[in-house]
Amino acid sequence: MAIAEELNACRRFDELHSLIERTIHSIGGLRELYTYDMALRIGAFLVLAPEFVYLHRGTRAGARTLGLNAKLPYLTIDSLPAELRTLSPAEVEDFLCIYRDYFAT
């Protein structure tokens, strides 16, 4: 099956994310953020949004600073502080990444 067909066959964001991860894993220098960003952009085209908060370098640092389990590949909304549960997973990802350096102060 061609990659375009596999992408179009994805019905959930986590399927899309996993497919992209498997497809590009052998390309040196590409990390978790690249996989997430690519899945987010293709997902927007396919109308697939993240159901989880995917952790990569920036979001992992923010999660760690807030005392969340940063060793997981992603966090569920119900594992977040109550104040963040009203946000979508993509919004929480942005929040953790953008404000990671402000949490400790």
C-alpha atoms as a PDB file:
ATOM      1  CA  MET A   1       0.000   0.000   0.000  1.00  0.00           C
ATOM      2  CA  ALA A   2       1.396   3.415  -0.936  1.00  0.00           C
ATOM      3  CA  ILE A   3       2.000   5.858   1.920  1.00  0.00           C
ATOM      4  CA  ALA A   4      -0.735   8.195   0.631  1.00  0.00           C
ATOM      5  CA  GLU A   5      -3.244   5.358   0.846  1.00  0.00           C
ATOM      6  CA  GLU A   6      -2.055   4.468   4.346  1.00  0.00           C
ATOM      7  CA  LEU A   7      -2.368   8.100   5.452  1.00  0.00           C
ATOM      8  CA  ASN A   8      -5.888   8.329   4.047  1.00  0.00           C
ATOM      9  CA  ALA A   9      -6.823   5.077   5.799  1.00  0.00           C
ATOM     10  CA  CYS A  10      -6.061   6.542   9.248  1.00  0.00           C
ATOM     11  CA  ARG A  11      -9.206   7.161  11.271  1.00  0.00           C
ATOM     12  CA  ARG A  12      -7.632   8.507  14.463  1.00  0.00           C
ATOM     13  CA  PHE A  13      -4.725  10.833  15.130  1.00  0.00           C
ATOM     14  CA  ASP A  14      -2.817   8.205  17.097  1.00  0.00           C
ATOM     15  CA  GLU A  15      -2.924   5.884  14.043  1.00  0.00           C
ATOM     16  CA  LEU A  16      -1.585   8.708  11.890  1.00  0.00           C
ATOM     17  CA  HIS A  17       1.131   9.581  14.418  1.00  0.00           C
ATOM     18  CA  SER A  18       2.236   5.928  14.634  1.00  0.00           C
ATOM     19  CA  LEU A  19       2.306   5.567  10.856  1.00  0.00           C
ATOM     20  CA  ILE A  20       4.463   8.656  10.446  1.00  0.00           C
ATOM     21  CA  GLU A  21       6.745   7.530  13.266  1.00  0.00           C
ATOM     22  CA  ARG A  22       7.251   4.116  11.632  1.00  0.00           C
ATOM     23  CA  THR A  23       7.758   5.670   8.205  1.00  0.00           C
ATOM     24  CA  ILE A  24      10.423   8.222   9.166  1.00  0.00           C
ATOM     25  CA  HIS A  25      12.170   6.475  12.082  1.00  0.00           C
ATOM     26  CA  SER A  26      15.202   5.543   9.976  1.00  0.00           C
ATOM     27  CA  ILE A  27      15.854   9.128   8.844  1.00  0.00           C
ATOM     28  CA  GLY A  28      18.678  10.443  11.008  1.00  0.00           C
ATOM     29  CA  GLY A  29      18.135  13.633  12.977  1.00  0.00           C
ATOM     30  CA  LEU A  30      14.339  13.573  12.990  1.00  0.00           C
ATOM     31  CA  ARG A  31      12.996  13.548  16.511  1.00  0.00           C
ATOM     32  CA  GLU A  32       9.651  13.380  18.306  1.00  0.00           C
ATOM     33  CA  LEU A  33       8.741  16.993  17.582  1.00  0.00           C
ATOM     34  CA  TYR A  34       9.125  16.450  13.837  1.00  0.00           C
ATOM     35  CA  THR A  35       6.859  13.411  13.988  1.00  0.00           C
ATOM     36  CA  TYR A  36       4.241  15.309  16.004  1.00  0.00           C
ATOM     37  CA  ASP A  37       4.359  18.403  13.801  1.00  0.00           C
ATOM     38  CA  MET A  38       4.074  16.339  10.638  1.00  0.00           C
ATOM     39  CA  ALA A  39       1.158  14.351  12.087  1.00  0.00           C
ATOM     40  CA  LEU A  40      -0.532  17.574  13.213  1.00  0.00           C
ATOM     41  CA  ARG A  41      -0.303  19.113   9.738  1.00  0.00           C
ATOM     42  CA  ILE A  42      -1.401  16.003   7.872  1.00  0.00           C
ATOM     43  CA  GLY A  43      -4.057  15.428  10.518  1.00  0.00           C
ATOM     44  CA  ALA A  44      -5.477  18.899   9.891  1.00  0.00           C
ATOM     45  CA  PHE A  45      -5.852  17.999   6.223  1.00  0.00           C
ATOM     46  CA  LEU A  46      -7.477  14.661   7.128  1.00  0.00           C
ATOM     47  CA  VAL A  47      -9.582  16.285   9.889  1.00  0.00           C
ATOM     48  CA  LEU A  48      -7.880  14.240  12.621  1.00  0.00           C
ATOM     49  CA  ALA A  49      -6.991  15.964  15.899  1.00  0.00           C
ATOM     50  CA  PRO A  50      -4.840  14.608  18.745  1.00  0.00           C
ATOM     51  CA  GLU A  51      -6.726  12.797  21.499  1.00  0.00           C
ATOM     52  CA  PHE A  52      -3.658  12.843  23.755  1.00  0.00           C
ATOM     53  CA  VAL A  53      -0.944  15.334  24.707  1.00  0.00           C
ATOM     54  CA  TYR A  54       2.118  13.995  22.901  1.00  0.00           C
ATOM     55  CA  LEU A  55       5.392  14.557  24.703  1.00  0.00           C
ATOM     56  CA  HIS A  56       8.491  15.713  22.888  1.00  0.00           C
ATOM     57  CA  ARG A  57      11.409  17.766  24.101  1.00  0.00           C
ATOM     58  CA  GLY A  58       9.490  20.972  24.918  1.00  0.00           C
ATOM     59  CA  THR A  59       6.275  19.453  26.203  1.00  0.00           C
ATOM     60  CA  ARG A  60       8.226  16.864  28.171  1.00  0.00           C
ATOM     61  CA  ALA A  61      10.121  19.637  29.976  1.00  0.00           C
ATOM     62  CA  GLY A  62       6.856  21.415  30.782  1.00  0.00           C
ATOM     63  CA  ALA A  63       5.236  18.206  31.991  1.00  0.00           C
ATOM     64  CA  ARG A  64       8.243  17.381  34.163  1.00  0.00           C
ATOM     65  CA  THR A  65       8.213  20.844  35.738  1.00  0.00           C
ATOM     66  CA  LEU A  66       4.516  20.452  36.584  1.00  0.00           C
ATOM     67  CA  GLY A  67       5.245  17.096  38.245  1.00  0.00           C
ATOM     68  CA  LEU A  68       3.576  15.024  35.531  1.00  0.00           C
ATOM     69  CA  ASN A  69       4.965  11.719  34.280  1.00  0.00           C
ATOM     70  CA  ALA A  70       7.271  12.927  31.509  1.00  0.00           C
ATOM     71  CA  LYS A  71       8.558   9.423  30.727  1.00  0.00           C
ATOM     72  CA  LEU A  72       5.387   8.491  28.852  1.00  0.00           C
ATOM     73  CA  PRO A  73       5.020   9.022  25.094  1.00  0.00           C
ATOM     74  CA  TYR A  74       1.833  11.015  25.753  1.00  0.00           C
ATOM     75  CA  LEU A  75      -0.482  12.178  28.535  1.00  0.00           C
ATOM     76  CA  THR A  76      -4.230  11.750  28.709  1.00  0.00           C
ATOM     77  CA  ILE A  77      -6.390  14.764  29.474  1.00  0.00           C
ATOM     78  CA  ASP A  78      -7.606  13.188  32.730  1.00  0.00           C
ATOM     79  CA  SER A  79      -3.999  12.945  33.977  1.00  0.00           C
ATOM     80  CA  LEU A  80      -3.565  16.730  33.786  1.00  0.00           C
ATOM     81  CA  PRO A  81      -4.212  19.331  36.474  1.00  0.00           C
ATOM     82  CA  ALA A  82      -7.863  20.450  36.515  1.00  0.00           C
ATOM     83  CA  GLU A  83      -6.914  23.873  35.148  1.00  0.00           C
ATOM     84  CA  LEU A  84      -5.644  22.317  31.898  1.00  0.00           C
ATOM     85  CA  ARG A  85      -8.481  19.839  31.343  1.00  0.00           C
ATOM     86  CA  THR A  86     -10.656  22.412  29.571  1.00  0.00           C
ATOM     87  CA  LEU A  87      -8.061  22.739  26.794  1.00  0.00           C
ATOM     88  CA  SER A  88      -7.770  20.461  23.789  1.00  0.00           C
ATOM     89  CA  PRO A  89      -4.742  18.144  23.687  1.00  0.00           C
ATOM     90  CA  ALA A  90      -3.141  20.346  21.000  1.00  0.00           C
ATOM     91  CA  GLU A  91      -3.677  23.439  23.168  1.00  0.00           C
ATOM     92  CA  VAL A  92      -2.120  21.684  26.180  1.00  0.00           C
ATOM     93  CA  GLU A  93       0.837  20.687  23.983  1.00  0.00           C
ATOM     94  CA  ASP A  94       1.304  24.348  23.022  1.00  0.00           C
ATOM     95  CA  PHE A  95       0.904  25.483  26.629  1.00  0.00           C
ATOM     96  CA  LEU A  96       3.447  23.014  28.027  1.00  0.00           C
ATOM     97  CA  CYS A  97       5.952  23.834  25.316  1.00  0.00           C
ATOM     98  CA  ILE A  98       5.589  27.622  25.301  1.00  0.00           C
ATOM     99  CA  TYR A  99       5.463  28.147  29.071  1.00  0.00           C
ATOM    100  CA  ARG A 100       7.807  25.369  30.244  1.00  0.00           C
ATOM    101  CA  ASP A 101      10.433  27.850  31.443  1.00  0.00           C
ATOM    102  CA  TYR A 102       7.884  29.891  33.445  1.00  0.00           C
ATOM    103  CA  PHE A 103       6.595  27.054  35.629  1.00  0.00           C
ATOM    104  CA  ALA A 104       9.668  26.860  37.834  1.00  0.00           C
ATOM    105  CA  THR A 105       9.664  30.568  38.747  1.00  0.00           C
END
